Amino acid sequence: MSIPRFNDVKVGDALPALVLPPINRTTLALYAGASGDHNQVHIDLDFARKSRQPDVFAHGMLSAAYLGRLLTAWVPQSRMRHFSMRFVGITHLGHVPTCTGRIVEKFEADGEQRVRIELLCANQYGEPRLTGEAVVALA
């Protein structure tokens, strides 16, 4: 992995987008098994409908993991200094998660050159599902 250099990036630069396959029941079942999160609203249609949802929907932390993948495809995890997010919408079956990031600040802290990245996980309609930010150290 070639780590981006601080002097080679500028405010406004975008990270390469991460576009995932549409969310389906298999994805949810596999994520439930891997994460241990077996909340019925994500895997049981009858339970989801009793919860006033039209169908099961993706775990919020699945989309959070996708944002993590976006970042670690750009820099190694060891370069991450801060990573936070806010859940702002439900990712339904058939939604195509698209994760993007944009550099919004360059600065120095603790002897490191760092960038602040604005993060977004949206569906194929451009509707935000997660928003967030990360700070990473660059060389």
C-alpha atoms as a PDB file:
ATOM      1  CA  MET A   1       0.000   0.000   0.000  1.00  0.00           C
ATOM      2  CA  SER A   2       1.323   3.392  -0.977  1.00  0.00           C
ATOM      3  CA  ILE A   3       0.530   5.826   1.833  1.00  0.00           C
ATOM      4  CA  PRO A   4      -0.501   9.265   0.567  1.00  0.00           C
ATOM      5  CA  ARG A   5       1.989  11.993   1.411  1.00  0.00           C
ATOM      6  CA  PHE A   6       0.906  15.058   3.363  1.00  0.00           C
ATOM      7  CA  ASN A   7       2.455  17.429   0.793  1.00  0.00           C
ATOM      8  CA  ASP A   8       0.702  15.654  -2.086  1.00  0.00           C
ATOM      9  CA  VAL A   9      -2.875  16.033  -0.784  1.00  0.00           C
ATOM     10  CA  LYS A  10      -4.954  19.172  -0.451  1.00  0.00           C
ATOM     11  CA  VAL A  11      -8.175  20.262   1.177  1.00  0.00           C
ATOM     12  CA  GLY A  12     -11.035  19.200  -1.083  1.00  0.00           C
ATOM     13  CA  ASP A  13      -9.337  16.033  -2.348  1.00  0.00           C
ATOM     14  CA  ALA A  14     -11.579  12.969  -2.389  1.00  0.00           C
ATOM     15  CA  LEU A  15     -10.668   9.465  -1.300  1.00  0.00           C
ATOM     16  CA  PRO A  16     -11.425   6.745  -3.854  1.00  0.00           C
ATOM     17  CA  ALA A  17     -15.091   5.833  -3.356  1.00  0.00           C
ATOM     18  CA  LEU A  18     -16.077   2.408  -2.064  1.00  0.00           C
ATOM     19  CA  VAL A  19     -19.238   1.064  -3.714  1.00  0.00           C
ATOM     20  CA  LEU A  20     -20.620  -2.133  -2.181  1.00  0.00           C
ATOM     21  CA  PRO A  21     -23.056  -4.696  -3.572  1.00  0.00           C
ATOM     22  CA  PRO A  22     -26.742  -4.206  -2.777  1.00  0.00           C
ATOM     23  CA  ILE A  23     -27.710  -5.211   0.759  1.00  0.00           C
ATOM     24  CA  ASN A  24     -29.460  -8.585   0.807  1.00  0.00           C
ATOM     25  CA  ARG A  25     -30.573 -11.110   3.400  1.00  0.00           C
ATOM     26  CA  THR A  26     -27.401 -13.157   3.000  1.00  0.00           C
ATOM     27  CA  THR A  27     -25.261 -10.098   3.786  1.00  0.00           C
ATOM     28  CA  LEU A  28     -27.308  -9.488   6.943  1.00  0.00           C
ATOM     29  CA  ALA A  29     -27.123 -13.120   8.053  1.00  0.00           C
ATOM     30  CA  LEU A  30     -23.364 -13.252   7.502  1.00  0.00           C
ATOM     31  CA  TYR A  31     -22.838  -9.976   9.345  1.00  0.00           C
ATOM     32  CA  ALA A  32     -25.013 -11.161  12.242  1.00  0.00           C
ATOM     33  CA  GLY A  33     -22.933 -14.321  12.529  1.00  0.00           C
ATOM     34  CA  ALA A  34     -19.599 -12.524  12.276  1.00  0.00           C
ATOM     35  CA  SER A  35     -20.505  -9.704  14.669  1.00  0.00           C
ATOM     36  CA  GLY A  36     -22.651 -11.630  17.130  1.00  0.00           C
ATOM     37  CA  ASP A  37     -25.394  -9.025  16.632  1.00  0.00           C
ATOM     38  CA  HIS A  38     -28.501 -11.160  16.166  1.00  0.00           C
ATOM     39  CA  ASN A  39     -31.011  -8.376  16.776  1.00  0.00           C
ATOM     40  CA  GLN A  40     -34.185  -9.746  15.231  1.00  0.00           C
ATOM     41  CA  VAL A  41     -35.068  -6.527  13.429  1.00  0.00           C
ATOM     42  CA  HIS A  42     -32.129  -7.271  11.099  1.00  0.00           C
ATOM     43  CA  ILE A  43     -32.845 -10.948  10.402  1.00  0.00           C
ATOM     44  CA  ASP A  44     -36.510 -11.782  11.131  1.00  0.00           C
ATOM     45  CA  LEU A  45     -39.129 -10.390   8.728  1.00  0.00           C
ATOM     46  CA  ASP A  46     -42.049 -10.957  11.117  1.00  0.00           C
ATOM     47  CA  PHE A  47     -40.238  -9.204  13.958  1.00  0.00           C
ATOM     48  CA  ALA A  48     -39.286  -6.292  11.675  1.00  0.00           C
ATOM     49  CA  ARG A  49     -42.917  -5.865  10.625  1.00  0.00           C
ATOM     50  CA  LYS A  50     -44.063  -5.942  14.256  1.00  0.00           C
ATOM     51  CA  SER A  51     -41.535  -3.130  14.772  1.00  0.00           C
ATOM     52  CA  ARG A  52     -43.339  -1.121  12.070  1.00  0.00           C
ATOM     53  CA  GLN A  53     -40.678  -1.679   9.445  1.00  0.00           C
ATOM     54  CA  PRO A  54     -41.530  -2.946   5.948  1.00  0.00           C
ATOM     55  CA  ASP A  55     -38.737  -5.544   6.099  1.00  0.00           C
ATOM     56  CA  VAL A  56     -35.447  -6.304   7.820  1.00  0.00           C
ATOM     57  CA  PHE A  57     -32.701  -3.709   7.376  1.00  0.00           C
ATOM     58  CA  ALA A  58     -28.939  -3.500   7.714  1.00  0.00           C
ATOM     59  CA  HIS A  59     -27.116  -3.211  11.013  1.00  0.00           C
ATOM     60  CA  GLY A  60     -25.795   0.314  11.477  1.00  0.00           C
ATOM     61  CA  MET A  61     -22.416  -1.110  12.397  1.00  0.00           C
ATOM     62  CA  LEU A  62     -22.231  -2.874   9.024  1.00  0.00           C
ATOM     63  CA  SER A  63     -22.205   0.533   7.335  1.00  0.00           C
ATOM     64  CA  ALA A  64     -19.686   1.706   9.951  1.00  0.00           C
ATOM     65  CA  ALA A  65     -17.454  -1.202   8.952  1.00  0.00           C
ATOM     66  CA  TYR A  66     -17.779  -0.131   5.321  1.00  0.00           C
ATOM     67  CA  LEU A  67     -16.532   3.354   6.274  1.00  0.00           C
ATOM     68  CA  GLY A  68     -13.611   1.671   8.044  1.00  0.00           C
ATOM     69  CA  ARG A  69     -12.853  -0.226   4.830  1.00  0.00           C
ATOM     70  CA  LEU A  70     -12.878   3.050   2.890  1.00  0.00           C
ATOM     71  CA  LEU A  71     -10.262   4.498   5.248  1.00  0.00           C
ATOM     72  CA  THR A  72      -8.030   1.434   5.483  1.00  0.00           C
ATOM     73  CA  ALA A  73      -7.981   1.109   1.694  1.00  0.00           C
ATOM     74  CA  TRP A  74      -6.393   4.592   1.705  1.00  0.00           C
ATOM     75  CA  VAL A  75      -4.051   4.346   4.731  1.00  0.00           C
ATOM     76  CA  PRO A  76      -3.072   1.517   7.096  1.00  0.00           C
ATOM     77  CA  GLN A  77      -5.125   1.250  10.266  1.00  0.00           C
ATOM     78  CA  SER A  78      -2.042   2.206  12.292  1.00  0.00           C
ATOM     79  CA  ARG A  79      -2.293   5.722  10.773  1.00  0.00           C
ATOM     80  CA  MET A  80      -5.805   6.331  12.102  1.00  0.00           C
ATOM     81  CA  ARG A  81      -5.955   8.768  15.017  1.00  0.00           C
ATOM     82  CA  HIS A  82      -9.701   9.417  15.254  1.00  0.00           C
ATOM     83  CA  PHE A  83     -12.789   7.808  13.726  1.00  0.00           C
ATOM     84  CA  SER A  84     -16.348   8.772  14.609  1.00  0.00           C
ATOM     85  CA  MET A  85     -19.730   8.539  12.973  1.00  0.00           C
ATOM     86  CA  ARG A  86     -23.386   9.331  13.376  1.00  0.00           C
ATOM     87  CA  PHE A  87     -26.247   7.154  12.180  1.00  0.00           C
ATOM     88  CA  VAL A  88     -28.666   9.281  10.157  1.00  0.00           C
ATOM     89  CA  GLY A  89     -30.768   6.804   8.154  1.00  0.00           C
ATOM     90  CA  ILE A  90     -31.753   3.179   7.664  1.00  0.00           C
ATOM     91  CA  THR A  91     -30.090   1.041   5.009  1.00  0.00           C
ATOM     92  CA  HIS A  92     -32.864  -1.120   3.572  1.00  0.00           C
ATOM     93  CA  LEU A  93     -32.632  -4.306   1.536  1.00  0.00           C
ATOM     94  CA  GLY A  94     -31.577  -3.486  -2.004  1.00  0.00           C
ATOM     95  CA  HIS A  95     -29.756  -0.315  -1.033  1.00  0.00           C
ATOM     96  CA  VAL A  96     -26.309   0.065  -2.565  1.00  0.00           C
ATOM     97  CA  PRO A  97     -23.969   1.527   0.073  1.00  0.00           C
ATOM     98  CA  THR A  98     -21.492   4.026  -1.328  1.00  0.00           C
ATOM     99  CA  CYS A  99     -18.798   5.339   0.991  1.00  0.00           C
ATOM    100  CA  THR A 100     -16.934   8.548   0.251  1.00  0.00           C
ATOM    101  CA  GLY A 101     -14.449  10.764   2.012  1.00  0.00           C
ATOM    102  CA  ARG A 102     -13.123  14.266   1.451  1.00  0.00           C
ATOM    103  CA  ILE A 103     -10.174  16.021   3.068  1.00  0.00           C
ATOM    104  CA  VAL A 104     -11.455  19.068   4.931  1.00  0.00           C
ATOM    105  CA  GLU A 105      -8.380  20.103   6.932  1.00  0.00           C
ATOM    106  CA  LYS A 106      -4.600  19.696   7.023  1.00  0.00           C
ATOM    107  CA  PHE A 107      -2.792  20.295  10.306  1.00  0.00           C
ATOM    108  CA  GLU A 108       0.016  19.204  12.609  1.00  0.00           C
ATOM    109  CA  ALA A 109      -0.514  17.640  16.037  1.00  0.00           C
ATOM    110  CA  ASP A 110       1.766  15.701  18.366  1.00  0.00           C
ATOM    111  CA  GLY A 111       4.621  16.031  15.885  1.00  0.00           C
ATOM    112  CA  GLU A 112       2.608  14.452  13.051  1.00  0.00           C
ATOM    113  CA  GLN A 113       1.200  15.787   9.821  1.00  0.00           C
ATOM    114  CA  ARG A 114      -2.490  14.922   9.789  1.00  0.00           C
ATOM    115  CA  VAL A 115      -5.610  15.355   7.701  1.00  0.00           C
ATOM    116  CA  ARG A 116      -9.234  15.492   8.799  1.00  0.00           C
ATOM    117  CA  ILE A 117     -11.600  13.615   6.507  1.00  0.00           C
ATOM    118  CA  GLU A 118     -15.344  14.120   6.225  1.00  0.00           C
ATOM    119  CA  LEU A 119     -17.028  10.736   5.691  1.00  0.00           C
ATOM    120  CA  LEU A 120     -20.332   9.697   4.183  1.00  0.00           C
ATOM    121  CA  CYS A 121     -22.077   6.391   3.597  1.00  0.00           C
ATOM    122  CA  ALA A 122     -25.085   6.975   1.335  1.00  0.00           C
ATOM    123  CA  ASN A 123     -27.438   4.767  -0.630  1.00  0.00           C
ATOM    124  CA  GLN A 124     -27.781   4.759  -4.421  1.00  0.00           C
ATOM    125  CA  TYR A 125     -30.204   7.700  -4.189  1.00  0.00           C
ATOM    126  CA  GLY A 126     -27.602   9.856  -2.455  1.00  0.00           C
ATOM    127  CA  GLU A 127     -29.479   9.675   0.851  1.00  0.00           C
ATOM    128  CA  PRO A 128     -27.047   9.756   3.798  1.00  0.00           C
ATOM    129  CA  ARG A 129     -27.093   6.685   6.058  1.00  0.00           C
ATOM    130  CA  LEU A 130     -23.980   7.511   8.136  1.00  0.00           C
ATOM    131  CA  THR A 131     -21.924  10.658   8.416  1.00  0.00           C
ATOM    132  CA  GLY A 132     -18.639  10.942  10.185  1.00  0.00           C
ATOM    133  CA  GLU A 133     -15.078  12.078  10.311  1.00  0.00           C
ATOM    134  CA  ALA A 134     -11.640  10.652  10.661  1.00  0.00           C
ATOM    135  CA  VAL A 135      -8.191  12.010  11.381  1.00  0.00           C
ATOM    136  CA  VAL A 136      -5.226  10.172   9.898  1.00  0.00           C
ATOM    137  CA  ALA A 137      -1.496  10.756  10.082  1.00  0.00           C
ATOM    138  CA  LEU A 138       0.337  11.013   6.780  1.00  0.00           C
ATOM    139  CA  ALA A 139       4.047  10.860   6.010  1.00  0.00           C
END
